[in-house]
Amino acid sequence: MFDIGLAEMAVIALVAVIVFGPDKLPDLARQAGRFIKQMKSFANATRDDLRNELGPEFSDLELRDLDPRTIVRKHIAEAMADDEDLRPRKELRPLAPGELPPYDADAT
């Protein structure tokens, strides 16, 4: 998610020890852990509330599904699966060497 490597983590830990001191660091780590746990429970409660409000057809709802990119991809994939016109036609063939492509006067 954050794409942080081992070297970056070591630098962050070193800066934290220098800024906060070794005495306060365990307490700050405990507070950070509690904060993350609280945010996770808040996100889970929000997801459950959304599932209950939206009804049984959204029982498999996940918060990452609310990302607009995911929604668009899902709807395009469903539309392509449902719409026969979007599937490639079998009667299409490659043009022979020197053959001109078809011309539609109404389309131009």
C-alpha atoms as a PDB file:
ATOM      1  CA  MET A   1       0.000   0.000   0.000  1.00  0.00           C
ATOM      2  CA  PHE A   2       2.654   2.527   1.008  1.00  0.00           C
ATOM      3  CA  ASP A   3       5.512   0.775  -0.835  1.00  0.00           C
ATOM      4  CA  ILE A   4       8.007   1.332   1.985  1.00  0.00           C
ATOM      5  CA  GLY A   5      11.122  -0.824   2.003  1.00  0.00           C
ATOM      6  CA  LEU A   6      13.385  -1.946   4.819  1.00  0.00           C
ATOM      7  CA  ALA A   7      15.792   0.977   4.385  1.00  0.00           C
ATOM      8  CA  GLU A   8      12.977   3.531   4.571  1.00  0.00           C
ATOM      9  CA  MET A   9      11.581   1.864   7.704  1.00  0.00           C
ATOM     10  CA  ALA A  10      15.031   2.015   9.345  1.00  0.00           C
ATOM     11  CA  VAL A  11      15.323   5.736   8.582  1.00  0.00           C
ATOM     12  CA  ILE A  12      11.822   6.387   9.972  1.00  0.00           C
ATOM     13  CA  ALA A  13      12.657   4.427  13.152  1.00  0.00           C
ATOM     14  CA  LEU A  14      15.934   6.308  13.587  1.00  0.00           C
ATOM     15  CA  VAL A  15      14.235   9.688  13.179  1.00  0.00           C
ATOM     16  CA  ALA A  16      11.503   8.638  15.622  1.00  0.00           C
ATOM     17  CA  VAL A  17      14.094   7.636  18.241  1.00  0.00           C
ATOM     18  CA  ILE A  18      15.936  10.939  17.793  1.00  0.00           C
ATOM     19  CA  VAL A  19      12.812  13.136  17.837  1.00  0.00           C
ATOM     20  CA  PHE A  20      10.775  11.397  20.555  1.00  0.00           C
ATOM     21  CA  GLY A  21      13.466   9.651  22.519  1.00  0.00           C
ATOM     22  CA  PRO A  22      13.628   5.987  23.484  1.00  0.00           C
ATOM     23  CA  ASP A  23      11.497   6.540  26.622  1.00  0.00           C
ATOM     24  CA  LYS A  24       8.395   7.833  24.820  1.00  0.00           C
ATOM     25  CA  LEU A  25       8.626   5.582  21.745  1.00  0.00           C
ATOM     26  CA  PRO A  26       6.843   2.491  23.209  1.00  0.00           C
ATOM     27  CA  ASP A  27       3.949   4.660  24.392  1.00  0.00           C
ATOM     28  CA  LEU A  28       3.657   6.325  20.985  1.00  0.00           C
ATOM     29  CA  ALA A  29       3.710   2.912  19.267  1.00  0.00           C
ATOM     30  CA  ARG A  30       0.907   1.735  21.576  1.00  0.00           C
ATOM     31  CA  GLN A  31      -1.141   4.843  20.764  1.00  0.00           C
ATOM     32  CA  ALA A  32      -0.560   4.343  17.029  1.00  0.00           C
ATOM     33  CA  GLY A  33      -1.689   0.715  17.330  1.00  0.00           C
ATOM     34  CA  ARG A  34      -4.863   1.727  19.172  1.00  0.00           C
ATOM     35  CA  PHE A  35      -5.560   4.405  16.546  1.00  0.00           C
ATOM     36  CA  ILE A  36      -5.181   1.921  13.680  1.00  0.00           C
ATOM     37  CA  LYS A  37      -7.413  -0.603  15.474  1.00  0.00           C
ATOM     38  CA  GLN A  38     -10.048   2.094  16.039  1.00  0.00           C
ATOM     39  CA  MET A  39      -9.940   3.177  12.364  1.00  0.00           C
ATOM     40  CA  LYS A  40     -10.294  -0.446  11.232  1.00  0.00           C
ATOM     41  CA  SER A  41     -13.342  -0.981  13.449  1.00  0.00           C
ATOM     42  CA  PHE A  42     -14.805   2.308  12.171  1.00  0.00           C
ATOM     43  CA  ALA A  43     -14.328   1.182   8.552  1.00  0.00           C
ATOM     44  CA  ASN A  44     -15.884  -2.226   9.289  1.00  0.00           C
ATOM     45  CA  ALA A  45     -18.873  -0.603  11.012  1.00  0.00           C
ATOM     46  CA  THR A  46     -19.336   1.740   8.052  1.00  0.00           C
ATOM     47  CA  ARG A  47     -19.202  -1.192   5.614  1.00  0.00           C
ATOM     48  CA  ASP A  48     -21.766  -3.130   7.673  1.00  0.00           C
ATOM     49  CA  ASP A  49     -24.081  -0.105   7.844  1.00  0.00           C
ATOM     50  CA  LEU A  50     -23.875   0.321   4.076  1.00  0.00           C
ATOM     51  CA  ARG A  51     -24.645  -3.368   3.537  1.00  0.00           C
ATOM     52  CA  ASN A  52     -27.688  -3.139   5.813  1.00  0.00           C
ATOM     53  CA  GLU A  53     -28.997   0.063   4.218  1.00  0.00           C
ATOM     54  CA  LEU A  54     -28.503  -1.014   0.601  1.00  0.00           C
ATOM     55  CA  GLY A  55     -30.235  -4.341   0.992  1.00  0.00           C
ATOM     56  CA  PRO A  56     -29.527  -7.992   0.234  1.00  0.00           C
ATOM     57  CA  GLU A  57     -28.330  -7.420  -3.357  1.00  0.00           C
ATOM     58  CA  PHE A  58     -25.275  -5.615  -1.934  1.00  0.00           C
ATOM     59  CA  SER A  59     -24.456  -8.206   0.739  1.00  0.00           C
ATOM     60  CA  ASP A  60     -21.007  -8.763  -0.761  1.00  0.00           C
ATOM     61  CA  LEU A  61     -20.147  -5.041  -0.750  1.00  0.00           C
ATOM     62  CA  GLU A  62     -16.584  -4.081   0.143  1.00  0.00           C
ATOM     63  CA  LEU A  63     -15.391  -0.501   0.667  1.00  0.00           C
ATOM     64  CA  ARG A  64     -12.814  -0.859  -2.105  1.00  0.00           C
ATOM     65  CA  ASP A  65     -15.749  -1.546  -4.465  1.00  0.00           C
ATOM     66  CA  LEU A  66     -16.789   2.088  -4.004  1.00  0.00           C
ATOM     67  CA  ASP A  67     -13.698   3.249  -5.912  1.00  0.00           C
ATOM     68  CA  PRO A  68     -15.019   4.897  -9.123  1.00  0.00           C
ATOM     69  CA  ARG A  69     -12.435   3.090 -11.251  1.00  0.00           C
ATOM     70  CA  THR A  70     -13.610  -0.278  -9.923  1.00  0.00           C
ATOM     71  CA  ILE A  71     -17.258   0.588 -10.539  1.00  0.00           C
ATOM     72  CA  VAL A  72     -16.575   1.669 -14.129  1.00  0.00           C
ATOM     73  CA  ARG A  73     -14.525  -1.468 -14.860  1.00  0.00           C
ATOM     74  CA  LYS A  74     -17.249  -3.677 -13.408  1.00  0.00           C
ATOM     75  CA  HIS A  75     -20.038  -2.041 -15.414  1.00  0.00           C
ATOM     76  CA  ILE A  76     -18.044  -2.093 -18.654  1.00  0.00           C
ATOM     77  CA  ALA A  77     -17.237  -5.775 -18.184  1.00  0.00           C
ATOM     78  CA  GLU A  78     -20.911  -6.547 -17.494  1.00  0.00           C
ATOM     79  CA  ALA A  79     -22.032  -4.520 -20.510  1.00  0.00           C
ATOM     80  CA  MET A  80     -19.559  -6.284 -22.774  1.00  0.00           C
ATOM     81  CA  ALA A  81     -20.701  -9.673 -21.517  1.00  0.00           C
ATOM     82  CA  ASP A  82     -24.375  -8.776 -21.990  1.00  0.00           C
ATOM     83  CA  ASP A  83     -24.210  -6.879 -25.272  1.00  0.00           C
ATOM     84  CA  GLU A  84     -23.846  -9.052 -28.359  1.00  0.00           C
ATOM     85  CA  ASP A  85     -22.950  -6.037 -30.541  1.00  0.00           C
ATOM     86  CA  LEU A  86     -19.739  -5.394 -28.599  1.00  0.00           C
ATOM     87  CA  ARG A  87     -18.384  -8.880 -29.226  1.00  0.00           C
ATOM     88  CA  PRO A  88     -16.116  -9.273 -32.245  1.00  0.00           C
ATOM     89  CA  ARG A  89     -17.989 -10.404 -35.318  1.00  0.00           C
ATOM     90  CA  LYS A  90     -16.834 -13.615 -36.951  1.00  0.00           C
ATOM     91  CA  GLU A  91     -17.523 -12.400 -40.499  1.00  0.00           C
ATOM     92  CA  LEU A  92     -14.779  -9.779 -40.246  1.00  0.00           C
ATOM     93  CA  ARG A  93     -11.594 -10.726 -42.059  1.00  0.00           C
ATOM     94  CA  PRO A  94      -8.306  -8.987 -42.671  1.00  0.00           C
ATOM     95  CA  LEU A  95      -7.983  -6.996 -45.895  1.00  0.00           C
ATOM     96  CA  ALA A  96      -6.099  -8.592 -48.743  1.00  0.00           C
ATOM     97  CA  PRO A  97      -2.954  -6.792 -49.922  1.00  0.00           C
ATOM     98  CA  GLY A  98      -4.004  -3.841 -52.083  1.00  0.00           C
ATOM     99  CA  GLU A  99      -7.694  -4.136 -51.086  1.00  0.00           C
ATOM    100  CA  LEU A 100      -9.365  -0.879 -50.049  1.00  0.00           C
ATOM    101  CA  PRO A 101     -11.333  -0.764 -46.799  1.00  0.00           C
ATOM    102  CA  PRO A 102     -15.124  -0.461 -47.111  1.00  0.00           C
ATOM    103  CA  TYR A 103     -16.449   3.079 -47.375  1.00  0.00           C
ATOM    104  CA  ASP A 104     -19.692   4.242 -45.798  1.00  0.00           C
ATOM    105  CA  ALA A 105     -20.898   7.544 -47.262  1.00  0.00           C
ATOM    106  CA  ASP A 106     -23.484   7.985 -44.505  1.00  0.00           C
ATOM    107  CA  ALA A 107     -20.898   7.685 -41.736  1.00  0.00           C
ATOM    108  CA  THR A 108     -18.635  10.481 -42.993  1.00  0.00           C
END
